[in-house]
PDB file of N, CA and C in Angstrom:
ATOM      1  N   MET A   1      26.530  43.358 -23.184  1.00  0.00           N
ATOM      2  CA  MET A   1      26.686  44.261 -22.650  1.00  0.00           C
ATOM      3  C   MET A   1      27.941  45.288 -21.902  1.00  0.00           C
ATOM      4  N   ARG A   2      28.014  45.878 -21.838  1.00  0.00           N
ATOM      5  CA  ARG A   2      29.457  46.650 -21.452  1.00  0.00           C
ATOM      6  C   ARG A   2      29.063  48.101 -20.876  1.00  0.00           C
ATOM      7  N   THR A   3      30.827  48.122 -20.095  1.00  0.00           N
ATOM      8  CA  THR A   3      30.729  50.002 -19.515  1.00  0.00           C
ATOM      9  C   THR A   3      31.499  50.544 -19.772  1.00  0.00           C
ATOM     10  N   VAL A   4      31.270  51.980 -19.796  1.00  0.00           N
ATOM     11  CA  VAL A   4      32.082  52.645 -19.822  1.00  0.00           C
ATOM     12  C   VAL A   4      33.040  53.730 -19.188  1.00  0.00           C
ATOM     13  N   HIS A   5      33.884  53.836 -18.990  1.00  0.00           N
ATOM     14  CA  HIS A   5      35.114  54.860 -18.069  1.00  0.00           C
ATOM     15  C   HIS A   5      35.682  55.362 -18.939  1.00  0.00           C
ATOM     16  N   THR A   6      36.239  56.752 -18.885  1.00  0.00           N
ATOM     17  CA  THR A   6      37.276  57.920 -19.288  1.00  0.00           C
ATOM     18  C   THR A   6      37.474  58.295 -18.114  1.00  0.00           C
ATOM     19  N   ARG A   7      38.903  59.155 -18.313  1.00  0.00           N
ATOM     20  CA  ARG A   7      39.602  59.775 -17.213  1.00  0.00           C
ATOM     21  C   ARG A   7      39.326  61.463 -18.054  1.00  0.00           C
ATOM     22  N   ASP A   8      38.477  61.569 -18.928  1.00  0.00           N
ATOM     23  CA  ASP A   8      38.449  62.497 -19.453  1.00  0.00           C
ATOM     24  C   ASP A   8      36.834  63.600 -19.291  1.00  0.00           C
ATOM     25  N   ALA A   9      36.526  62.408 -18.472  1.00  0.00           N
ATOM     26  CA  ALA A   9      34.647  63.040 -17.606  1.00  0.00           C
ATOM     27  C   ALA A   9      34.924  62.938 -16.068  1.00  0.00           C
ATOM     28  N   PRO A  10      34.404  62.941 -15.114  1.00  0.00           N
ATOM     29  CA  PRO A  10      34.248  62.840 -13.896  1.00  0.00           C
ATOM     30  C   PRO A  10      34.768  61.805 -13.391  1.00  0.00           C
ATOM     31  N   GLU A  11      35.181  60.766 -12.043  1.00  0.00           N
ATOM     32  CA  GLU A  11      35.045  59.547 -11.817  1.00  0.00           C
ATOM     33  C   GLU A  11      33.301  59.714 -11.165  1.00  0.00           C
ATOM     34  N   PRO A  12      32.706  58.999 -10.919  1.00  0.00           N
ATOM     35  CA  PRO A  12      31.049  58.500 -10.704  1.00  0.00           C
ATOM     36  C   PRO A  12      31.852  59.070  -8.789  1.00  0.00           C
ATOM     37  N   VAL A  13      30.623  59.632  -9.013  1.00  0.00           N
ATOM     38  CA  VAL A  13      30.378  60.021  -6.603  1.00  0.00           C
ATOM     39  C   VAL A  13      29.837  58.540  -6.533  1.00  0.00           C
ATOM     40  N   GLY A  14      29.471  57.737  -6.578  1.00  0.00           N
ATOM     41  CA  GLY A  14      28.483  56.766  -6.631  1.00  0.00           C
ATOM     42  C   GLY A  14      28.805  55.444  -7.106  1.00  0.00           C
ATOM     43  N   PRO A  15      28.118  54.509  -6.698  1.00  0.00           N
ATOM     44  CA  PRO A  15      28.533  52.730  -7.068  1.00  0.00           C
ATOM     45  C   PRO A  15      28.261  52.539  -8.538  1.00  0.00           C
ATOM     46  N   TYR A  16      28.456  53.269  -9.790  1.00  0.00           N
ATOM     47  CA  TYR A  16      28.043  53.497 -11.409  1.00  0.00           C
ATOM     48  C   TYR A  16      28.613  53.772 -11.996  1.00  0.00           C
ATOM     49  N   SER A  17      27.938  53.336 -13.461  1.00  0.00           N
ATOM     50  CA  SER A  17      29.136  53.544 -14.502  1.00  0.00           C
ATOM     51  C   SER A  17      28.714  55.047 -14.606  1.00  0.00           C
ATOM     52  N   GLN A  18      29.815  55.468 -15.851  1.00  0.00           N
ATOM     53  CA  GLN A  18      29.849  57.138 -16.338  1.00  0.00           C
ATOM     54  C   GLN A  18      28.674  55.923 -17.720  1.00  0.00           C
ATOM     55  N   ALA A  19      29.144  54.989 -18.305  1.00  0.00           N
ATOM     56  CA  ALA A  19      27.563  54.905 -19.417  1.00  0.00           C
ATOM     57  C   ALA A  19      27.321  53.519 -19.756  1.00  0.00           C
ATOM     58  N   ILE A  20      26.972  52.728 -20.138  1.00  0.00           N
ATOM     59  CA  ILE A  20      26.426  51.352 -20.360  1.00  0.00           C
ATOM     60  C   ILE A  20      25.983  51.566 -21.991  1.00  0.00           C
ATOM     61  N   VAL A  21      26.954  50.341 -22.083  1.00  0.00           N
ATOM     62  CA  VAL A  21      26.515  50.092 -23.721  1.00  0.00           C
ATOM     63  C   VAL A  21      25.153  49.071 -24.168  1.00  0.00           C
ATOM     64  N   VAL A  22      24.690  48.944 -24.532  1.00  0.00           N
ATOM     65  CA  VAL A  22      23.679  47.676 -24.606  1.00  0.00           C
ATOM     66  C   VAL A  22      22.859  47.342 -26.271  1.00  0.00           C
ATOM     67  N   ASP A  23      23.427  46.756 -26.912  1.00  0.00           N
ATOM     68  CA  ASP A  23      23.777  46.563 -28.847  1.00  0.00           C
ATOM     69  C   ASP A  23      23.988  48.073 -29.426  1.00  0.00           C
ATOM     70  N   ASN A  24      23.029  49.108 -30.413  1.00  0.00           N
ATOM     71  CA  ASN A  24      24.090  49.885 -30.885  1.00  0.00           C
ATOM     72  C   ASN A  24      23.144  51.548 -29.869  1.00  0.00           C
ATOM     73  N   MET A  25      23.048  50.694 -29.045  1.00  0.00           N
ATOM     74  CA  MET A  25      22.978  52.147 -27.557  1.00  0.00           C
ATOM     75  C   MET A  25      23.546  52.367 -26.501  1.00  0.00           C
ATOM     76  N   VAL A  26      24.282  53.678 -26.115  1.00  0.00           N
ATOM     77  CA  VAL A  26      24.696  54.166 -25.360  1.00  0.00           C
ATOM     78  C   VAL A  26      23.519  54.404 -24.436  1.00  0.00           C
ATOM     79  N   PHE A  27      23.423  54.236 -23.115  1.00  0.00           N
ATOM     80  CA  PHE A  27      23.152  55.014 -22.080  1.00  0.00           C
ATOM     81  C   PHE A  27      23.639  55.760 -21.257  1.00  0.00           C
ATOM     82  N   THR A  28      24.371  57.082 -20.899  1.00  0.00           N
ATOM     83  CA  THR A  28      25.491  57.403 -20.036  1.00  0.00           C
ATOM     84  C   THR A  28      24.176  58.135 -18.363  1.00  0.00           C
ATOM     85  N   SER A  29      25.203  58.497 -17.531  1.00  0.00           N
ATOM     86  CA  SER A  29      24.626  58.264 -16.266  1.00  0.00           C
ATOM     87  C   SER A  29      24.845  59.545 -16.279  1.00  0.00           C
ATOM     88  N   GLY A  30      24.254  60.195 -15.771  1.00  0.00           N
ATOM     89  CA  GLY A  30      23.864  61.739 -15.246  1.00  0.00           C
ATOM     90  C   GLY A  30      25.667  62.134 -15.133  1.00  0.00           C
ATOM     91  N   GLN A  31      25.708  63.283 -15.370  1.00  0.00           N
ATOM     92  CA  GLN A  31      26.669  64.600 -15.608  1.00  0.00           C
ATOM     93  C   GLN A  31      26.420  65.601 -14.609  1.00  0.00           C
ATOM     94  N   ILE A  32      27.312  65.885 -14.078  1.00  0.00           N
ATOM     95  CA  ILE A  32      26.829  67.837 -13.530  1.00  0.00           C
ATOM     96  C   ILE A  32      27.319  67.727 -13.268  1.00  0.00           C
ATOM     97  N   GLY A  33      28.262  69.943 -13.273  1.00  0.00           N
ATOM     98  CA  GLY A  33      28.829  70.818 -14.059  1.00  0.00           C
ATOM     99  C   GLY A  33      30.857  69.950 -13.350  1.00  0.00           C
ATOM    100  N   ILE A  34      31.648  69.039 -12.982  1.00  0.00           N
ATOM    101  CA  ILE A  34      32.520  68.823 -12.503  1.00  0.00           C
ATOM    102  C   ILE A  34      33.591  69.197 -13.659  1.00  0.00           C
ATOM    103  N   GLU A  35      34.893  69.596 -13.206  1.00  0.00           N
ATOM    104  CA  GLU A  35      35.468  69.820 -14.430  1.00  0.00           C
ATOM    105  C   GLU A  35      36.830  68.433 -13.696  1.00  0.00           C
ATOM    106  N   PRO A  36      36.946  67.364 -15.027  1.00  0.00           N
ATOM    107  CA  PRO A  36      37.879  66.697 -14.251  1.00  0.00           C
ATOM    108  C   PRO A  36      39.107  66.591 -14.416  1.00  0.00           C
ATOM    109  N   SER A  37      39.429  67.626 -14.675  1.00  0.00           N
ATOM    110  CA  SER A  37      40.364  67.385 -14.146  1.00  0.00           C
ATOM    111  C   SER A  37      41.689  68.295 -12.740  1.00  0.00           C
ATOM    112  N   THR A  38      40.593  69.226 -12.599  1.00  0.00           N
ATOM    113  CA  THR A  38      40.765  69.587 -10.581  1.00  0.00           C
ATOM    114  C   THR A  38      39.696  68.969 -10.376  1.00  0.00           C
ATOM    115  N   GLY A  39      37.493  69.151 -10.170  1.00  0.00           N
ATOM    116  CA  GLY A  39      37.860  67.945  -9.745  1.00  0.00           C
ATOM    117  C   GLY A  39      36.062  69.178  -8.647  1.00  0.00           C
ATOM    118  N   GLY A  40      36.597  70.206  -9.584  1.00  0.00           N
ATOM    119  CA  GLY A  40      35.849  71.464  -9.094  1.00  0.00           C
ATOM    120  C   GLY A  40      34.499  71.690  -9.710  1.00  0.00           C
ATOM    121  N   LEU A  41      33.970  72.043  -9.024  1.00  0.00           N
ATOM    122  CA  LEU A  41      31.968  72.213  -9.649  1.00  0.00           C
ATOM    123  C   LEU A  41      32.412  74.163 -10.328  1.00  0.00           C
ATOM    124  N   GLU A  42      32.059  73.328 -11.476  1.00  0.00           N
ATOM    125  CA  GLU A  42      31.631  75.354 -12.105  1.00  0.00           C
ATOM    126  C   GLU A  42      30.739  76.519 -11.633  1.00  0.00           C
ATOM    127  N   SER A  43      31.484  77.308 -11.634  1.00  0.00           N
ATOM    128  CA  SER A  43      30.337  78.780 -10.797  1.00  0.00           C
ATOM    129  C   SER A  43      29.269  78.847 -12.168  1.00  0.00           C
ATOM    130  N   GLY A  44      27.894  78.125 -11.458  1.00  0.00           N
ATOM    131  CA  GLY A  44      26.651  78.976 -12.403  1.00  0.00           C
ATOM    132  C   GLY A  44      26.582  77.902 -13.062  1.00  0.00           C
ATOM    133  N   VAL A  45      25.373  78.256 -13.110  1.00  0.00           N
ATOM    134  CA  VAL A  45      24.384  77.013 -14.157  1.00  0.00           C
ATOM    135  C   VAL A  45      24.529  77.176 -16.038  1.00  0.00           C
ATOM    136  N   GLU A  46      24.970  77.779 -15.840  1.00  0.00           N
ATOM    137  CA  GLU A  46      25.845  77.912 -17.968  1.00  0.00           C
ATOM    138  C   GLU A  46      26.608  77.754 -17.459  1.00  0.00           C
ATOM    139  N   ALA A  47      27.660  78.038 -17.084  1.00  0.00           N
ATOM    140  CA  ALA A  47      29.062  77.747 -16.944  1.00  0.00           C
ATOM    141  C   ALA A  47      28.571  76.029 -16.663  1.00  0.00           C
ATOM    142  N   GLN A  48      28.176  75.541 -15.783  1.00  0.00           N
ATOM    143  CA  GLN A  48      28.269  73.600 -15.339  1.00  0.00           C
ATOM    144  C   GLN A  48      26.964  73.429 -16.734  1.00  0.00           C
ATOM    145  N   THR A  49      26.133  73.624 -17.378  1.00  0.00           N
ATOM    146  CA  THR A  49      25.475  72.889 -18.595  1.00  0.00           C
ATOM    147  C   THR A  49      26.797  72.867 -19.486  1.00  0.00           C
ATOM    148  N   GLU A  50      27.600  73.335 -19.615  1.00  0.00           N
ATOM    149  CA  GLU A  50      28.198  73.933 -20.901  1.00  0.00           C
ATOM    150  C   GLU A  50      28.894  72.363 -20.896  1.00  0.00           C
ATOM    151  N   ARG A  51      29.590  72.280 -18.683  1.00  0.00           N
ATOM    152  CA  ARG A  51      30.472  71.690 -18.819  1.00  0.00           C
ATOM    153  C   ARG A  51      29.928  70.307 -18.265  1.00  0.00           C
ATOM    154  N   CYS A  52      29.095  69.882 -17.831  1.00  0.00           N
ATOM    155  CA  CYS A  52      28.099  68.891 -18.491  1.00  0.00           C
ATOM    156  C   CYS A  52      28.085  67.968 -19.449  1.00  0.00           C
ATOM    157  N   LEU A  53      27.741  68.965 -20.559  1.00  0.00           N
ATOM    158  CA  LEU A  53      28.265  68.822 -21.962  1.00  0.00           C
ATOM    159  C   LEU A  53      28.923  68.228 -22.084  1.00  0.00           C
ATOM    160  N   LYS A  54      30.070  69.022 -22.131  1.00  0.00           N
ATOM    161  CA  LYS A  54      31.446  68.595 -22.164  1.00  0.00           C
ATOM    162  C   LYS A  54      31.815  67.258 -22.007  1.00  0.00           C
ATOM    163  N   ASN A  55      31.406  66.780 -21.031  1.00  0.00           N
ATOM    164  CA  ASN A  55      31.658  65.494 -20.138  1.00  0.00           C
ATOM    165  C   ASN A  55      31.027  64.594 -20.820  1.00  0.00           C
ATOM    166  N   LEU A  56      29.318  64.520 -21.346  1.00  0.00           N
ATOM    167  CA  LEU A  56      28.806  63.855 -21.909  1.00  0.00           C
ATOM    168  C   LEU A  56      29.445  63.521 -23.061  1.00  0.00           C
ATOM    169  N   GLU A  57      30.217  64.621 -23.642  1.00  0.00           N
ATOM    170  CA  GLU A  57      31.166  64.330 -25.163  1.00  0.00           C
ATOM    171  C   GLU A  57      31.862  63.145 -24.723  1.00  0.00           C
ATOM    172  N   ALA A  58      33.002  63.370 -23.732  1.00  0.00           N
ATOM    173  CA  ALA A  58      33.819  62.781 -23.662  1.00  0.00           C
ATOM    174  C   ALA A  58      34.084  61.268 -22.877  1.00  0.00           C
ATOM    175  N   VAL A  59      32.115  60.915 -22.275  1.00  0.00           N
ATOM    176  CA  VAL A  59      31.880  59.725 -22.213  1.00  0.00           C
ATOM    177  C   VAL A  59      30.951  59.415 -23.397  1.00  0.00           C
ATOM    178  N   LEU A  60      30.290  59.467 -24.236  1.00  0.00           N
ATOM    179  CA  LEU A  60      30.418  59.073 -25.530  1.00  0.00           C
ATOM    180  C   LEU A  60      31.534  58.721 -26.693  1.00  0.00           C
ATOM    181  N   LYS A  61      32.304  59.016 -26.558  1.00  0.00           N
ATOM    182  CA  LYS A  61      33.157  59.615 -27.003  1.00  0.00           C
ATOM    183  C   LYS A  61      34.288  58.083 -27.262  1.00  0.00           C
ATOM    184  N   GLU A  62      34.774  58.028 -25.920  1.00  0.00           N
ATOM    185  CA  GLU A  62      34.426  56.555 -25.348  1.00  0.00           C
ATOM    186  C   GLU A  62      34.016  55.152 -25.076  1.00  0.00           C
ATOM    187  N   ALA A  63      32.387  55.677 -25.986  1.00  0.00           N
ATOM    188  CA  ALA A  63      32.013  54.426 -26.291  1.00  0.00           C
ATOM    189  C   ALA A  63      31.793  54.253 -27.303  1.00  0.00           C
ATOM    190  N   GLY A  64      32.713  55.304 -28.198  1.00  0.00           N
ATOM    191  CA  GLY A  64      32.597  54.594 -29.448  1.00  0.00           C
ATOM    192  C   GLY A  64      30.987  55.408 -30.810  1.00  0.00           C
ATOM    193  N   THR A  65      30.907  57.024 -30.027  1.00  0.00           N
ATOM    194  CA  THR A  65      30.120  57.427 -30.614  1.00  0.00           C
ATOM    195  C   THR A  65      29.777  59.092 -30.243  1.00  0.00           C
ATOM    196  N   SER A  66      29.181  60.314 -30.340  1.00  0.00           N
ATOM    197  CA  SER A  66      29.449  61.111 -30.274  1.00  0.00           C
ATOM    198  C   SER A  66      27.878  61.807 -30.229  1.00  0.00           C
ATOM    199  N   ILE A  67      28.137  63.123 -29.734  1.00  0.00           N
ATOM    200  CA  ILE A  67      27.457  63.669 -29.575  1.00  0.00           C
ATOM    201  C   ILE A  67      25.907  64.564 -30.577  1.00  0.00           C
ATOM    202  N   GLN A  68      26.614  64.747 -31.834  1.00  0.00           N
ATOM    203  CA  GLN A  68      26.024  64.253 -33.122  1.00  0.00           C
ATOM    204  C   GLN A  68      24.759  62.909 -32.897  1.00  0.00           C
ATOM    205  N   ARG A  69      24.780  61.771 -32.353  1.00  0.00           N
ATOM    206  CA  ARG A  69      24.531  60.880 -32.218  1.00  0.00           C
ATOM    207  C   ARG A  69      23.611  60.877 -30.707  1.00  0.00           C
ATOM    208  N   VAL A  70      23.466  61.647 -29.879  1.00  0.00           N
ATOM    209  CA  VAL A  70      22.071  61.960 -28.799  1.00  0.00           C
ATOM    210  C   VAL A  70      20.771  62.519 -29.745  1.00  0.00           C
ATOM    211  N   ILE A  71      19.414  61.184 -28.677  1.00  0.00           N
ATOM    212  CA  ILE A  71      18.780  61.277 -28.951  1.00  0.00           C
ATOM    213  C   ILE A  71      17.168  61.262 -28.305  1.00  0.00           C
ATOM    214  N   ARG A  72      18.390  61.309 -27.435  1.00  0.00           N
ATOM    215  CA  ARG A  72      17.126  62.402 -25.492  1.00  0.00           C
ATOM    216  C   ARG A  72      18.110  62.263 -25.221  1.00  0.00           C
ATOM    217  N   CYS A  73      18.113  63.665 -24.356  1.00  0.00           N
ATOM    218  CA  CYS A  73      18.418  64.257 -23.367  1.00  0.00           C
ATOM    219  C   CYS A  73      17.608  63.982 -21.804  1.00  0.00           C
ATOM    220  N   THR A  74      17.754  64.198 -20.860  1.00  0.00           N
ATOM    221  CA  THR A  74      17.102  63.688 -19.594  1.00  0.00           C
ATOM    222  C   THR A  74      17.864  65.638 -19.017  1.00  0.00           C
ATOM    223  N   LEU A  75      17.179  66.619 -18.114  1.00  0.00           N
ATOM    224  CA  LEU A  75      17.896  67.981 -17.460  1.00  0.00           C
ATOM    225  C   LEU A  75      17.228  67.714 -16.300  1.00  0.00           C
ATOM    226  N   TYR A  76      18.210  67.873 -15.461  1.00  0.00           N
ATOM    227  CA  TYR A  76      17.726  68.044 -14.303  1.00  0.00           C
ATOM    228  C   TYR A  76      18.141  69.280 -13.744  1.00  0.00           C
ATOM    229  N   ILE A  77      17.204  69.969 -13.183  1.00  0.00           N
ATOM    230  CA  ILE A  77      17.755  72.160 -12.415  1.00  0.00           C
ATOM    231  C   ILE A  77      17.120  72.069 -11.422  1.00  0.00           C
ATOM    232  N   THR A  78      18.125  72.874 -10.955  1.00  0.00           N
ATOM    233  CA  THR A  78      17.840  73.430  -9.105  1.00  0.00           C
ATOM    234  C   THR A  78      16.173  74.320  -8.581  1.00  0.00           C
ATOM    235  N   ASP A  79      16.814  74.443 -10.142  1.00  0.00           N
ATOM    236  CA  ASP A  79      16.135  76.374 -10.177  1.00  0.00           C
ATOM    237  C   ASP A  79      15.585  76.983 -11.331  1.00  0.00           C
ATOM    238  N   ILE A  80      14.317  76.570 -11.426  1.00  0.00           N
ATOM    239  CA  ILE A  80      13.439  76.457 -12.925  1.00  0.00           C
ATOM    240  C   ILE A  80      13.849  78.091 -13.239  1.00  0.00           C
ATOM    241  N   SER A  81      13.901  79.087 -13.392  1.00  0.00           N
ATOM    242  CA  SER A  81      14.134  80.217 -13.100  1.00  0.00           C
ATOM    243  C   SER A  81      14.934  80.514 -14.245  1.00  0.00           C
ATOM    244  N   ARG A  82      16.194  79.631 -13.730  1.00  0.00           N
ATOM    245  CA  ARG A  82      16.766  79.948 -15.371  1.00  0.00           C
ATOM    246  C   ARG A  82      17.330  79.138 -15.648  1.00  0.00           C
ATOM    247  N   PHE A  83      15.989  78.812 -16.666  1.00  0.00           N
ATOM    248  CA  PHE A  83      15.320  77.796 -17.359  1.00  0.00           C
ATOM    249  C   PHE A  83      16.303  78.609 -19.230  1.00  0.00           C
ATOM    250  N   LYS A  84      16.107  79.222 -19.258  1.00  0.00           N
ATOM    251  CA  LYS A  84      16.387  80.583 -19.882  1.00  0.00           C
ATOM    252  C   LYS A  84      18.413  80.733 -20.067  1.00  0.00           C
ATOM    253  N   ASP A  85      19.049  80.360 -18.969  1.00  0.00           N
ATOM    254  CA  ASP A  85      20.574  80.757 -19.218  1.00  0.00           C
ATOM    255  C   ASP A  85      21.028  79.127 -19.325  1.00  0.00           C
ATOM    256  N   VAL A  86      20.003  77.815 -18.504  1.00  0.00           N
ATOM    257  CA  VAL A  86      20.412  76.343 -19.916  1.00  0.00           C
ATOM    258  C   VAL A  86      20.675  76.371 -20.879  1.00  0.00           C
ATOM    259  N   ASN A  87      19.496  77.231 -21.471  1.00  0.00           N
ATOM    260  CA  ASN A  87      19.039  76.899 -22.904  1.00  0.00           C
ATOM    261  C   ASN A  87      20.112  77.597 -23.838  1.00  0.00           C
ATOM    262  N   GLU A  88      20.291  78.194 -23.350  1.00  0.00           N
ATOM    263  CA  GLU A  88      21.638  78.963 -23.727  1.00  0.00           C
ATOM    264  C   GLU A  88      22.851  78.321 -24.298  1.00  0.00           C
ATOM    265  N   ALA A  89      23.302  78.023 -22.993  1.00  0.00           N
ATOM    266  CA  ALA A  89      24.415  76.572 -23.348  1.00  0.00           C
ATOM    267  C   ALA A  89      24.373  75.763 -24.221  1.00  0.00           C
ATOM    268  N   TYR A  90      22.845  75.255 -23.426  1.00  0.00           N
ATOM    269  CA  TYR A  90      22.374  73.806 -24.257  1.00  0.00           C
ATOM    270  C   TYR A  90      22.499  74.236 -26.537  1.00  0.00           C
ATOM    271  N   SER A  91      22.189  75.456 -26.663  1.00  0.00           N
ATOM    272  CA  SER A  91      21.299  75.723 -27.717  1.00  0.00           C
ATOM    273  C   SER A  91      23.819  75.364 -28.336  1.00  0.00           C
ATOM    274  N   ARG A  92      24.324  75.704 -27.683  1.00  0.00           N
ATOM    275  CA  ARG A  92      25.752  75.837 -28.463  1.00  0.00           C
ATOM    276  C   ARG A  92      26.542  74.427 -28.969  1.00  0.00           C
ATOM    277  N   PHE A  93      25.671  72.693 -28.245  1.00  0.00           N
ATOM    278  CA  PHE A  93      25.719  71.472 -28.543  1.00  0.00           C
ATOM    279  C   PHE A  93      24.699  71.144 -29.557  1.00  0.00           C
ATOM    280  N   PHE A  94      23.318  71.645 -29.333  1.00  0.00           N
ATOM    281  CA  PHE A  94      22.251  70.973 -29.944  1.00  0.00           C
ATOM    282  C   PHE A  94      21.732  71.957 -30.811  1.00  0.00           C
ATOM    283  N   HIS A  95      21.873  72.104 -32.290  1.00  0.00           N
ATOM    284  CA  HIS A  95      20.779  73.046 -32.619  1.00  0.00           C
ATOM    285  C   HIS A  95      19.595  72.828 -32.764  1.00  0.00           C
ATOM    286  N   VAL A  96      18.070  73.392 -33.128  1.00  0.00           N
ATOM    287  CA  VAL A  96      16.702  73.209 -32.544  1.00  0.00           C
ATOM    288  C   VAL A  96      16.663  72.191 -34.154  1.00  0.00           C
ATOM    289  N   SER A  97      17.648  72.451 -34.943  1.00  0.00           N
ATOM    290  CA  SER A  97      17.070  71.864 -36.493  1.00  0.00           C
ATOM    291  C   SER A  97      16.965  70.318 -35.981  1.00  0.00           C
ATOM    292  N   ASN A  98      18.164  69.987 -35.797  1.00  0.00           N
ATOM    293  CA  ASN A  98      18.574  69.198 -34.177  1.00  0.00           C
ATOM    294  C   ASN A  98      18.875  67.871 -33.332  1.00  0.00           C
ATOM    295  N   ALA A  99      17.683  69.340 -33.072  1.00  0.00           N
ATOM    296  CA  ALA A  99      17.747  68.535 -31.318  1.00  0.00           C
ATOM    297  C   ALA A  99      17.215  67.423 -30.992  1.00  0.00           C
ATOM    298  N   PRO A 100      17.638  66.679 -30.106  1.00  0.00           N
ATOM    299  CA  PRO A 100      17.595  65.500 -29.743  1.00  0.00           C
ATOM    300  C   PRO A 100      15.990  65.677 -28.436  1.00  0.00           C
ATOM    301  N   ALA A 101      14.984  64.676 -28.850  1.00  0.00           N
ATOM    302  CA  ALA A 101      13.955  64.995 -27.452  1.00  0.00           C
ATOM    303  C   ALA A 101      14.941  65.111 -26.587  1.00  0.00           C
ATOM    304  N   ARG A 102      13.460  65.675 -25.764  1.00  0.00           N
ATOM    305  CA  ARG A 102      14.432  65.962 -24.431  1.00  0.00           C
ATOM    306  C   ARG A 102      13.353  66.071 -22.844  1.00  0.00           C
ATOM    307  N   VAL A 103      13.751  66.174 -21.633  1.00  0.00           N
ATOM    308  CA  VAL A 103      12.737  66.289 -21.135  1.00  0.00           C
ATOM    309  C   VAL A 103      13.777  67.331 -19.675  1.00  0.00           C
ATOM    310  N   THR A 104      13.146  68.290 -18.847  1.00  0.00           N
ATOM    311  CA  THR A 104      13.864  69.480 -18.487  1.00  0.00           C
ATOM    312  C   THR A 104      12.699  69.291 -17.142  1.00  0.00           C
ATOM    313  N   VAL A 105      13.422  68.687 -15.919  1.00  0.00           N
ATOM    314  CA  VAL A 105      12.950  68.307 -14.971  1.00  0.00           C
ATOM    315  C   VAL A 105      13.255  69.963 -13.425  1.00  0.00           C
ATOM    316  N   GLY A 106      12.125  70.401 -12.829  1.00  0.00           N
ATOM    317  CA  GLY A 106      13.301  70.533 -11.605  1.00  0.00           C
ATOM    318  C   GLY A 106      13.061  70.277 -10.664  1.00  0.00           C
ATOM    319  N   VAL A 107      14.220  70.351  -9.846  1.00  0.00           N
ATOM    320  CA  VAL A 107      14.125  69.313  -8.927  1.00  0.00           C
ATOM    321  C   VAL A 107      14.691  70.082  -6.940  1.00  0.00           C
ATOM    322  N   ALA A 108      14.577  69.863  -6.383  1.00  0.00           N
ATOM    323  CA  ALA A 108      15.266  70.948  -4.644  1.00  0.00           C
ATOM    324  C   ALA A 108      16.524  70.641  -4.618  1.00  0.00           C
ATOM    325  N   SER A 109      17.221  69.649  -5.294  1.00  0.00           N
ATOM    326  CA  SER A 109      18.780  68.756  -5.328  1.00  0.00           C
ATOM    327  C   SER A 109      20.015  68.069  -5.787  1.00  0.00           C
ATOM    328  N   LEU A 110      20.906  68.739  -6.217  1.00  0.00           N
ATOM    329  CA  LEU A 110      21.593  67.562  -6.824  1.00  0.00           C
ATOM    330  C   LEU A 110      22.625  68.026  -5.652  1.00  0.00           C
ATOM    331  N   PRO A 111      23.443  66.707  -6.617  1.00  0.00           N
ATOM    332  CA  PRO A 111      25.192  65.583  -5.586  1.00  0.00           C
ATOM    333  C   PRO A 111      25.814  67.027  -5.967  1.00  0.00           C
ATOM    334  N   LEU A 112      26.552  67.514  -4.901  1.00  0.00           N
ATOM    335  CA  LEU A 112      27.275  68.369  -4.367  1.00  0.00           C
ATOM    336  C   LEU A 112      26.805  68.896  -4.463  1.00  0.00           C
ATOM    337  N   GLY A 113      26.080  69.453  -4.452  1.00  0.00           N
ATOM    338  CA  GLY A 113      25.651  71.578  -4.869  1.00  0.00           C
ATOM    339  C   GLY A 113      25.410  71.377  -6.051  1.00  0.00           C
ATOM    340  N   ALA A 114      25.345  71.376  -7.018  1.00  0.00           N
ATOM    341  CA  ALA A 114      25.482  70.693  -8.887  1.00  0.00           C
ATOM    342  C   ALA A 114      23.670  71.681  -8.164  1.00  0.00           C
ATOM    343  N   SER A 115      23.593  72.632  -9.770  1.00  0.00           N
ATOM    344  CA  SER A 115      22.511  73.233 -10.128  1.00  0.00           C
ATOM    345  C   SER A 115      22.270  71.797 -11.462  1.00  0.00           C
ATOM    346  N   ILE A 116      22.619  71.284 -11.957  1.00  0.00           N
ATOM    347  CA  ILE A 116      21.538  71.231 -13.568  1.00  0.00           C
ATOM    348  C   ILE A 116      22.738  69.428 -12.918  1.00  0.00           C
ATOM    349  N   GLU A 117      22.313  69.007 -14.238  1.00  0.00           N
ATOM    350  CA  GLU A 117      22.286  67.000 -13.978  1.00  0.00           C
ATOM    351  C   GLU A 117      22.408  66.475 -15.340  1.00  0.00           C
ATOM    352  N   ILE A 118      23.011  66.293 -15.745  1.00  0.00           N
ATOM    353  CA  ILE A 118      22.342  65.603 -17.579  1.00  0.00           C
ATOM    354  C   ILE A 118      22.694  64.637 -18.033  1.00  0.00           C
ATOM    355  N   GLU A 119      21.470  64.018 -18.574  1.00  0.00           N
ATOM    356  CA  GLU A 119      21.709  62.396 -18.907  1.00  0.00           C
ATOM    357  C   GLU A 119      21.603  62.326 -20.123  1.00  0.00           C
ATOM    358  N   ALA A 120      22.313  61.517 -21.610  1.00  0.00           N
ATOM    359  CA  ALA A 120      21.711  60.778 -22.470  1.00  0.00           C
ATOM    360  C   ALA A 120      22.008  59.349 -22.614  1.00  0.00           C
ATOM    361  N   ILE A 121      20.649  59.449 -24.149  1.00  0.00           N
ATOM    362  CA  ILE A 121      20.878  58.193 -25.061  1.00  0.00           C
ATOM    363  C   ILE A 121      20.979  58.411 -26.182  1.00  0.00           C
ATOM    364  N   ALA A 122      22.610  57.149 -26.396  1.00  0.00           N
ATOM    365  CA  ALA A 122      22.995  57.938 -27.973  1.00  0.00           C
ATOM    366  C   ALA A 122      23.069  56.907 -28.684  1.00  0.00           C
ATOM    367  N   LEU A 123      22.960  56.647 -30.327  1.00  0.00           N
ATOM    368  CA  LEU A 123      23.417  55.769 -30.427  1.00  0.00           C
ATOM    369  C   LEU A 123      24.364  55.482 -30.888  1.00  0.00           C
ATOM    370  N   LEU A 124      25.089  54.060 -30.872  1.00  0.00           N
ATOM    371  CA  LEU A 124      25.899  54.254 -31.418  1.00  0.00           C
ATOM    372  C   LEU A 124      26.190  54.262 -32.947  1.00  0.00           C
ATOM    373  N   ASP A 125      27.728  54.658 -33.733  1.00  0.00           N
ATOM    374  CA  ASP A 125      28.232  55.683 -34.690  1.00  0.00           C
ATOM    375  C   ASP A 125      28.515  54.279 -35.769  1.00  0.00           C
TER     376      ASP A 125
END
């Protein structure tokens, strides 16, 4: 087992790793829509979704894989009525023909006032 850390994704806001690699699998921690260079939260759920996925890309790259190797995502959103907007941004990273398995959960709140948090499981290249 090894931990993953990159400066190209936000620093964890608690006592956890950005990801853990076990055998040929990468388990990421949840990413929220923080821009790593400024530490600021993106505005709006669509922009936050895109930033979450860019942050996941950076973590996965550091782990030795890519977003194309994701086999499952879990999304936590604070406003399920924005599901369509989330899907719009999500589909720019994952196309229906090769999209990973996914769970989407409506939640009351997320850290730092985020609208969405995404975690992933991926295979190593």
